[in-house]
PDB file of all heavy atoms in Angstrom:
ATOM      1  N   GLU A   1      15.124  -0.165  -6.592  1.00  0.00           N
ATOM      2  CA  GLU A   1      14.005   0.712  -7.012  1.00  0.00           C
ATOM      3  C   GLU A   1      12.711   0.199  -6.412  1.00  0.00           C
ATOM      4  O   GLU A   1      12.700  -1.102  -6.130  1.00  0.00           O
ATOM      5  CB  GLU A   1      13.914   0.877  -8.546  1.00  0.00           C
ATOM      6  CG  GLU A   1      13.621  -0.355  -9.213  1.00  0.00           C
ATOM      7  CD  GLU A   1      13.419  -0.011 -10.709  1.00  0.00           C
ATOM      8  OE1 GLU A   1      13.470   1.065 -11.120  1.00  0.00           O
ATOM      9  OE2 GLU A   1      13.072  -1.120 -11.408  1.00  0.00           O
ATOM     10  N   PRO A   2      11.700   0.879  -6.147  1.00  0.00           N
ATOM     11  CA  PRO A   2      10.481   0.458  -5.755  1.00  0.00           C
ATOM     12  C   PRO A   2       9.811  -0.545  -6.755  1.00  0.00           C
ATOM     13  O   PRO A   2       9.435  -0.051  -7.891  1.00  0.00           O
ATOM     14  CB  PRO A   2       9.526   1.616  -5.436  1.00  0.00           C
ATOM     15  CG  PRO A   2      10.532   2.831  -5.384  1.00  0.00           C
ATOM     16  CD  PRO A   2      11.665   2.487  -6.288  1.00  0.00           C
ATOM     17  N   PRO A   3       9.618  -1.792  -6.332  1.00  0.00           N
ATOM     18  CA  PRO A   3       9.096  -2.828  -7.286  1.00  0.00           C
ATOM     19  C   PRO A   3       7.607  -2.733  -7.350  1.00  0.00           C
ATOM     20  O   PRO A   3       6.832  -3.047  -6.636  1.00  0.00           O
ATOM     21  CB  PRO A   3       9.418  -4.040  -6.670  1.00  0.00           C
ATOM     22  CG  PRO A   3       9.648  -3.815  -5.192  1.00  0.00           C
ATOM     23  CD  PRO A   3      10.061  -2.380  -5.082  1.00  0.00           C
ATOM     24  N   ALA A   4       7.172  -1.971  -8.645  1.00  0.00           N
ATOM     25  CA  ALA A   4       5.762  -1.701  -8.780  1.00  0.00           C
ATOM     26  C   ALA A   4       4.979  -3.053  -8.743  1.00  0.00           C
ATOM     27  O   ALA A   4       3.731  -3.008  -8.460  1.00  0.00           O
ATOM     28  CB  ALA A   4       5.555  -0.930 -10.116  1.00  0.00           C
ATOM     29  N   GLU A   5       5.499  -4.218  -9.255  1.00  0.00           N
ATOM     30  CA  GLU A   5       4.620  -5.370  -9.255  1.00  0.00           C
ATOM     31  C   GLU A   5       4.235  -5.992  -7.929  1.00  0.00           C
ATOM     32  O   GLU A   5       3.528  -6.888  -7.850  1.00  0.00           O
ATOM     33  CB  GLU A   5       5.508  -6.448 -10.064  1.00  0.00           C
ATOM     34  CG  GLU A   5       6.874  -6.922  -9.354  1.00  0.00           C
ATOM     35  CD  GLU A   5       8.074  -6.050  -9.778  1.00  0.00           C
ATOM     36  OE1 GLU A   5       7.910  -4.830 -10.003  1.00  0.00           O
ATOM     37  OE2 GLU A   5       9.161  -6.605  -9.813  1.00  0.00           O
ATOM     38  N   PHE A   6       4.834  -5.291  -6.847  1.00  0.00           N
ATOM     39  CA  PHE A   6       4.460  -5.758  -5.458  1.00  0.00           C
ATOM     40  C   PHE A   6       3.397  -4.961  -4.878  1.00  0.00           C
ATOM     41  O   PHE A   6       2.938  -5.205  -3.632  1.00  0.00           O
ATOM     42  CB  PHE A   6       5.680  -5.991  -4.604  1.00  0.00           C
ATOM     43  CG  PHE A   6       6.698  -7.010  -5.070  1.00  0.00           C
ATOM     44  CD1 PHE A   6       8.022  -6.770  -4.819  1.00  0.00           C
ATOM     45  CD2 PHE A   6       6.262  -8.104  -5.822  1.00  0.00           C
ATOM     46  CE1 PHE A   6       9.024  -7.673  -5.273  1.00  0.00           C
ATOM     47  CE2 PHE A   6       7.248  -9.021  -6.248  1.00  0.00           C
ATOM     48  CZ  PHE A   6       8.596  -8.752  -6.030  1.00  0.00           C
ATOM     49  N   LEU A   7       3.080  -3.755  -5.536  1.00  0.00           N
ATOM     50  CA  LEU A   7       2.235  -2.734  -4.831  1.00  0.00           C
ATOM     51  C   LEU A   7       0.883  -3.268  -4.529  1.00  0.00           C
ATOM     52  O   LEU A   7       0.186  -2.880  -3.629  1.00  0.00           O
ATOM     53  CB  LEU A   7       2.220  -1.486  -5.648  1.00  0.00           C
ATOM     54  CG  LEU A   7       3.400  -0.575  -5.734  1.00  0.00           C
ATOM     55  CD1 LEU A   7       3.303   0.326  -6.802  1.00  0.00           C
ATOM     56  CD2 LEU A   7       3.615   0.034  -4.368  1.00  0.00           C
ATOM     57  N   ASP A   8       0.293  -4.237  -5.410  1.00  0.00           N
ATOM     58  CA  ASP A   8      -1.011  -4.761  -5.162  1.00  0.00           C
ATOM     59  C   ASP A   8      -0.919  -5.581  -3.808  1.00  0.00           C
ATOM     60  O   ASP A   8      -1.972  -5.320  -3.010  1.00  0.00           O
ATOM     61  CB  ASP A   8      -1.360  -5.819  -6.288  1.00  0.00           C
ATOM     62  CG  ASP A   8      -0.310  -6.801  -6.630  1.00  0.00           C
ATOM     63  OD1 ASP A   8       0.786  -6.857  -6.034  1.00  0.00           O
ATOM     64  OD2 ASP A   8      -0.617  -7.622  -7.611  1.00  0.00           O
ATOM     65  N   LEU A   9       0.089  -6.333  -3.552  1.00  0.00           N
ATOM     66  CA  LEU A   9       0.123  -7.048  -2.301  1.00  0.00           C
ATOM     67  C   LEU A   9       0.370  -6.105  -1.131  1.00  0.00           C
ATOM     68  O   LEU A   9      -0.130  -6.376   0.089  1.00  0.00           O
ATOM     69  CB  LEU A   9       1.356  -8.032  -2.338  1.00  0.00           C
ATOM     70  CG  LEU A   9       1.242  -9.223  -3.351  1.00  0.00           C
ATOM     71  CD1 LEU A   9       2.468 -10.067  -3.358  1.00  0.00           C
ATOM     72  CD2 LEU A   9       0.004  -9.887  -3.314  1.00  0.00           C
ATOM     73  N   VAL A  10       1.159  -4.957  -1.273  1.00  0.00           N
ATOM     74  CA  VAL A  10       1.380  -4.044  -0.259  1.00  0.00           C
ATOM     75  C   VAL A  10       0.135  -3.429   0.140  1.00  0.00           C
ATOM     76  O   VAL A  10      -0.211  -3.270   1.355  1.00  0.00           O
ATOM     77  CB  VAL A  10       2.354  -3.075  -0.697  1.00  0.00           C
ATOM     78  CG1 VAL A  10       2.476  -1.908   0.443  1.00  0.00           C
ATOM     79  CG2 VAL A  10       3.753  -3.673  -1.019  1.00  0.00           C
ATOM     80  N   ALA A  11      -0.778  -3.043  -0.796  1.00  0.00           N
ATOM     81  CA  ALA A  11      -2.097  -2.530  -0.564  1.00  0.00           C
ATOM     82  C   ALA A  11      -2.952  -3.389   0.309  1.00  0.00           C
ATOM     83  O   ALA A  11      -3.606  -3.002   1.355  1.00  0.00           O
ATOM     84  CB  ALA A  11      -2.764  -2.130  -1.856  1.00  0.00           C
ATOM     85  N   ILE A  12      -2.981  -4.672  -0.077  1.00  0.00           N
ATOM     86  CA  ILE A  12      -3.938  -5.580   0.644  1.00  0.00           C
ATOM     87  C   ILE A  12      -3.457  -5.741   1.995  1.00  0.00           C
ATOM     88  O   ILE A  12      -4.150  -5.718   2.923  1.00  0.00           O
ATOM     89  CB  ILE A  12      -3.854  -6.964  -0.190  1.00  0.00           C
ATOM     90  CG1 ILE A  12      -4.531  -6.845  -1.568  1.00  0.00           C
ATOM     91  CG2 ILE A  12      -4.562  -8.144   0.631  1.00  0.00           C
ATOM     92  CD1 ILE A  12      -4.433  -8.021  -2.467  1.00  0.00           C
ATOM     93  N   GLY A  13      -2.097  -6.167   2.251  1.00  0.00           N
ATOM     94  CA  GLY A  13      -1.641  -6.284   3.566  1.00  0.00           C
ATOM     95  C   GLY A  13      -1.705  -4.979   4.462  1.00  0.00           C
ATOM     96  O   GLY A  13      -2.043  -5.255   5.617  1.00  0.00           O
ATOM     97  N   THR A  14      -1.572  -3.914   3.919  1.00  0.00           N
ATOM     98  CA  THR A  14      -1.705  -2.659   4.759  1.00  0.00           C
ATOM     99  C   THR A  14      -3.171  -2.417   5.183  1.00  0.00           C
ATOM    100  O   THR A  14      -3.437  -2.029   6.314  1.00  0.00           O
ATOM    101  CB  THR A  14      -1.160  -1.526   3.778  1.00  0.00           C
ATOM    102  OG1 THR A  14       0.257  -1.773   3.521  1.00  0.00           O
ATOM    103  CG2 THR A  14      -1.197  -0.202   4.750  1.00  0.00           C
ATOM    104  N   ILE A  15      -4.032  -2.601   4.228  1.00  0.00           N
ATOM    105  CA  ILE A  15      -5.435  -2.408   4.521  1.00  0.00           C
ATOM    106  C   ILE A  15      -5.949  -3.408   5.466  1.00  0.00           C
ATOM    107  O   ILE A  15      -6.623  -3.123   6.517  1.00  0.00           O
ATOM    108  CB  ILE A  15      -6.280  -2.539   3.280  1.00  0.00           C
ATOM    109  CG1 ILE A  15      -6.020  -1.240   2.239  1.00  0.00           C
ATOM    110  CG2 ILE A  15      -7.777  -2.601   3.637  1.00  0.00           C
ATOM    111  CD1 ILE A  15      -6.591  -1.475   0.872  1.00  0.00           C
ATOM    112  N   ALA A  16      -5.421  -4.708   5.311  1.00  0.00           N
ATOM    113  CA  ALA A  16      -5.892  -5.652   6.259  1.00  0.00           C
ATOM    114  C   ALA A  16      -5.449  -5.530   7.616  1.00  0.00           C
ATOM    115  O   ALA A  16      -6.152  -5.864   8.545  1.00  0.00           O
ATOM    116  CB  ALA A  16      -5.449  -6.943   5.739  1.00  0.00           C
ATOM    117  N   ASP A  17      -4.252  -4.868   7.779  1.00  0.00           N
ATOM    118  CA  ASP A  17      -3.733  -4.866   9.158  1.00  0.00           C
ATOM    119  C   ASP A  17      -4.120  -3.636   9.924  1.00  0.00           C
ATOM    120  O   ASP A  17      -3.832  -3.430  11.063  1.00  0.00           O
ATOM    121  CB  ASP A  17      -2.065  -4.941   9.008  1.00  0.00           C
ATOM    122  CG  ASP A  17      -1.530  -5.651  10.146  1.00  0.00           C
ATOM    123  OD1 ASP A  17      -2.017  -6.887  10.488  1.00  0.00           O
ATOM    124  OD2 ASP A  17      -0.602  -5.224  10.825  1.00  0.00           O
ATOM    125  N   LEU A  18      -4.913  -2.863   9.289  1.00  0.00           N
ATOM    126  CA  LEU A  18      -5.575  -1.645   9.942  1.00  0.00           C
ATOM    127  C   LEU A  18      -4.618  -0.791  10.594  1.00  0.00           C
ATOM    128  O   LEU A  18      -4.718  -0.070  11.695  1.00  0.00           O
ATOM    129  CB  LEU A  18      -6.508  -2.250  11.088  1.00  0.00           C
ATOM    130  CG  LEU A  18      -7.637  -3.064  10.683  1.00  0.00           C
ATOM    131  CD1 LEU A  18      -8.466  -3.603  11.778  1.00  0.00           C
ATOM    132  CD2 LEU A  18      -8.562  -2.457   9.660  1.00  0.00           C
ATOM    133  N   VAL A  19      -3.405  -0.607   9.953  1.00  0.00           N
ATOM    134  CA  VAL A  19      -2.481   0.458  10.397  1.00  0.00           C
ATOM    135  C   VAL A  19      -2.942   1.845   9.849  1.00  0.00           C
ATOM    136  O   VAL A  19      -3.885   1.947   9.174  1.00  0.00           O
ATOM    137  CB  VAL A  19      -0.945  -0.013   9.767  1.00  0.00           C
ATOM    138  CG1 VAL A  19      -0.459  -1.125  10.470  1.00  0.00           C
ATOM    139  CG2 VAL A  19      -1.041  -0.028   8.338  1.00  0.00           C
ATOM    140  N   SER A  20      -2.183   2.853  10.367  1.00  0.00           N
ATOM    141  CA  SER A  20      -2.517   4.233  10.130  1.00  0.00           C
ATOM    142  C   SER A  20      -2.625   4.523   8.585  1.00  0.00           C
ATOM    143  O   SER A  20      -1.540   4.315   7.984  1.00  0.00           O
ATOM    144  CB  SER A  20      -1.609   5.201  10.752  1.00  0.00           C
ATOM    145  OG  SER A  20      -1.894   6.446  10.391  1.00  0.00           O
ATOM    146  N   MET A  21      -3.722   4.978   8.164  1.00  0.00           N
ATOM    147  CA  MET A  21      -3.862   5.340   6.710  1.00  0.00           C
ATOM    148  C   MET A  21      -3.415   6.717   6.448  1.00  0.00           C
ATOM    149  O   MET A  21      -4.219   7.570   5.842  1.00  0.00           O
ATOM    150  CB  MET A  21      -5.278   4.973   6.089  1.00  0.00           C
ATOM    151  CG  MET A  21      -5.508   4.915   4.778  1.00  0.00           C
ATOM    152  SD  MET A  21      -4.409   3.599   4.013  1.00  0.00           S
ATOM    153  CE  MET A  21      -5.308   2.113   4.438  1.00  0.00           C
ATOM    154  N   THR A  22      -2.304   6.982   6.834  1.00  0.00           N
ATOM    155  CA  THR A  22      -1.732   8.432   6.647  1.00  0.00           C
ATOM    156  C   THR A  22      -0.250   8.264   5.971  1.00  0.00           C
ATOM    157  O   THR A  22       0.255   7.202   5.802  1.00  0.00           O
ATOM    158  CB  THR A  22      -1.674   9.093   7.925  1.00  0.00           C
ATOM    159  OG1 THR A  22      -0.856   8.394   8.835  1.00  0.00           O
ATOM    160  CG2 THR A  22      -2.968   9.271   8.611  1.00  0.00           C
ATOM    161  N   ASP A  23       0.128   9.428   5.538  1.00  0.00           N
ATOM    162  CA  ASP A  23       1.649   9.510   5.151  1.00  0.00           C
ATOM    163  C   ASP A  23       1.962   8.442   4.071  1.00  0.00           C
ATOM    164  O   ASP A  23       1.327   8.280   3.090  1.00  0.00           O
ATOM    165  CB  ASP A  23       2.542   9.428   6.448  1.00  0.00           C
ATOM    166  CG  ASP A  23       3.931  10.129   6.155  1.00  0.00           C
ATOM    167  OD1 ASP A  23       4.574   9.678   5.203  1.00  0.00           O
ATOM    168  OD2 ASP A  23       4.228  10.903   6.875  1.00  0.00           O
ATOM    169  N   GLU A  24       2.948   7.624   4.368  1.00  0.00           N
ATOM    170  CA  GLU A  24       3.470   6.694   3.312  1.00  0.00           C
ATOM    171  C   GLU A  24       2.502   5.510   3.139  1.00  0.00           C
ATOM    172  O   GLU A  24       2.366   5.002   1.959  1.00  0.00           O
ATOM    173  CB  GLU A  24       4.925   6.123   3.776  1.00  0.00           C
ATOM    174  CG  GLU A  24       5.616   5.394   2.502  1.00  0.00           C
ATOM    175  CD  GLU A  24       6.923   5.109   2.771  1.00  0.00           C
ATOM    176  OE1 GLU A  24       7.468   4.778   4.009  1.00  0.00           O
ATOM    177  OE2 GLU A  24       7.793   5.073   1.891  1.00  0.00           O
ATOM    178  N   ASN A  25       1.824   5.183   4.161  1.00  0.00           N
ATOM    179  CA  ASN A  25       0.893   4.029   3.972  1.00  0.00           C
ATOM    180  C   ASN A  25      -0.150   4.588   2.928  1.00  0.00           C
ATOM    181  O   ASN A  25      -0.706   3.756   2.167  1.00  0.00           O
ATOM    182  CB  ASN A  25       0.185   3.742   5.260  1.00  0.00           C
ATOM    183  CG  ASN A  25       1.083   2.845   6.128  1.00  0.00           C
ATOM    184  OD1 ASN A  25       1.912   2.137   5.545  1.00  0.00           O
ATOM    185  ND2 ASN A  25       0.754   2.788   7.402  1.00  0.00           N
ATOM    186  N   ARG A  26      -0.636   5.711   2.993  1.00  0.00           N
ATOM    187  CA  ARG A  26      -1.565   6.220   2.190  1.00  0.00           C
ATOM    188  C   ARG A  26      -1.134   6.221   0.789  1.00  0.00           C
ATOM    189  O   ARG A  26      -1.912   5.905  -0.224  1.00  0.00           O
ATOM    190  CB  ARG A  26      -1.905   7.702   2.675  1.00  0.00           C
ATOM    191  CG  ARG A  26      -2.928   8.445   1.786  1.00  0.00           C
ATOM    192  CD  ARG A  26      -3.533   9.747   2.520  1.00  0.00           C
ATOM    193  NE  ARG A  26      -4.237  10.528   1.640  1.00  0.00           N
ATOM    194  CZ  ARG A  26      -5.519  10.311   1.432  1.00  0.00           C
ATOM    195  NH1 ARG A  26      -6.096   9.373   2.052  1.00  0.00           N
ATOM    196  NH2 ARG A  26      -6.177  11.146   0.599  1.00  0.00           N
ATOM    197  N   THR A  27       0.032   6.600   0.514  1.00  0.00           N
ATOM    198  CA  THR A  27       0.709   6.502  -0.773  1.00  0.00           C
ATOM    199  C   THR A  27       0.733   5.203  -1.345  1.00  0.00           C
ATOM    200  O   THR A  27       0.424   4.767  -2.447  1.00  0.00           O
ATOM    201  CB  THR A  27       2.089   7.227  -0.777  1.00  0.00           C
ATOM    202  OG1 THR A  27       1.943   8.542  -0.376  1.00  0.00           O
ATOM    203  CG2 THR A  27       2.917   7.100  -2.206  1.00  0.00           C
ATOM    204  N   LEU A  28       1.325   4.211  -0.552  1.00  0.00           N
ATOM    205  CA  LEU A  28       1.452   2.807  -0.867  1.00  0.00           C
ATOM    206  C   LEU A  28       0.116   2.151  -1.298  1.00  0.00           C
ATOM    207  O   LEU A  28      -0.105   1.533  -2.236  1.00  0.00           O
ATOM    208  CB  LEU A  28       2.063   2.069   0.191  1.00  0.00           C
ATOM    209  CG  LEU A  28       3.586   2.241   0.393  1.00  0.00           C
ATOM    210  CD1 LEU A  28       4.026   1.695   1.657  1.00  0.00           C
ATOM    211  CD2 LEU A  28       4.443   1.831  -0.783  1.00  0.00           C
ATOM    212  N   VAL A  29      -0.961   2.432  -0.515  1.00  0.00           N
ATOM    213  CA  VAL A  29      -2.269   1.922  -0.688  1.00  0.00           C
ATOM    214  C   VAL A  29      -2.894   2.564  -1.990  1.00  0.00           C
ATOM    215  O   VAL A  29      -3.528   1.903  -2.881  1.00  0.00           O
ATOM    216  CB  VAL A  29      -3.164   2.159   0.443  1.00  0.00           C
ATOM    217  CG1 VAL A  29      -4.682   1.740   0.132  1.00  0.00           C
ATOM    218  CG2 VAL A  29      -2.765   1.224   1.706  1.00  0.00           C
ATOM    219  N   ALA A  30      -2.752   3.892  -2.187  1.00  0.00           N
ATOM    220  CA  ALA A  30      -3.268   4.523  -3.373  1.00  0.00           C
ATOM    221  C   ALA A  30      -2.650   3.947  -4.648  1.00  0.00           C
ATOM    222  O   ALA A  30      -3.336   3.705  -5.679  1.00  0.00           O
ATOM    223  CB  ALA A  30      -3.083   6.028  -3.343  1.00  0.00           C
ATOM    224  N   LEU A  31      -1.296   3.806  -4.663  1.00  0.00           N
ATOM    225  CA  LEU A  31      -0.642   3.245  -5.752  1.00  0.00           C
ATOM    226  C   LEU A  31      -1.044   1.687  -5.869  1.00  0.00           C
ATOM    227  O   LEU A  31      -1.064   1.129  -7.040  1.00  0.00           O
ATOM    228  CB  LEU A  31       0.941   3.381  -5.572  1.00  0.00           C
ATOM    229  CG  LEU A  31       1.440   4.729  -5.620  1.00  0.00           C
ATOM    230  CD1 LEU A  31       2.987   4.797  -5.194  1.00  0.00           C
ATOM    231  CD2 LEU A  31       1.321   5.391  -6.946  1.00  0.00           C
ATOM    232  N   GLY A  32      -1.227   0.991  -4.710  1.00  0.00           N
ATOM    233  CA  GLY A  32      -1.515  -0.392  -4.736  1.00  0.00           C
ATOM    234  C   GLY A  32      -2.800  -0.773  -5.333  1.00  0.00           C
ATOM    235  O   GLY A  32      -3.101  -1.614  -5.961  1.00  0.00           O
ATOM    236  N   LEU A  33      -3.816   0.089  -4.964  1.00  0.00           N
ATOM    237  CA  LEU A  33      -5.188  -0.026  -5.528  1.00  0.00           C
ATOM    238  C   LEU A  33      -5.132   0.082  -6.962  1.00  0.00           C
ATOM    239  O   LEU A  33      -5.965  -0.708  -7.729  1.00  0.00           O
ATOM    240  CB  LEU A  33      -6.114   0.963  -4.851  1.00  0.00           C
ATOM    241  CG  LEU A  33      -6.431   0.562  -3.400  1.00  0.00           C
ATOM    242  CD1 LEU A  33      -7.328   1.888  -2.672  1.00  0.00           C
ATOM    243  CD2 LEU A  33      -7.206  -0.652  -3.183  1.00  0.00           C
ATOM    244  N   GLU A  34      -4.456   1.093  -7.502  1.00  0.00           N
ATOM    245  CA  GLU A  34      -4.266   1.201  -8.978  1.00  0.00           C
ATOM    246  C   GLU A  34      -3.779  -0.009  -9.569  1.00  0.00           C
ATOM    247  O   GLU A  34      -4.146  -0.484 -10.678  1.00  0.00           O
ATOM    248  CB  GLU A  34      -3.489   2.528  -9.214  1.00  0.00           C
ATOM    249  CG  GLU A  34      -3.499   2.903 -10.707  1.00  0.00           C
ATOM    250  CD  GLU A  34      -4.836   3.352 -11.311  1.00  0.00           C
ATOM    251  OE1 GLU A  34      -5.538   3.758 -10.458  1.00  0.00           O
ATOM    252  OE2 GLU A  34      -5.089   3.062 -12.449  1.00  0.00           O
TER     253      GLU A  34
END
């Protein structure tokens, strides 16, 4: 199952790496910021 306890790290790494903020990345970052 998606481990919610890692979403904070996923958001930080995704934002930092300047990948496309669309589709699933957008979802991961929105959940991660929360």
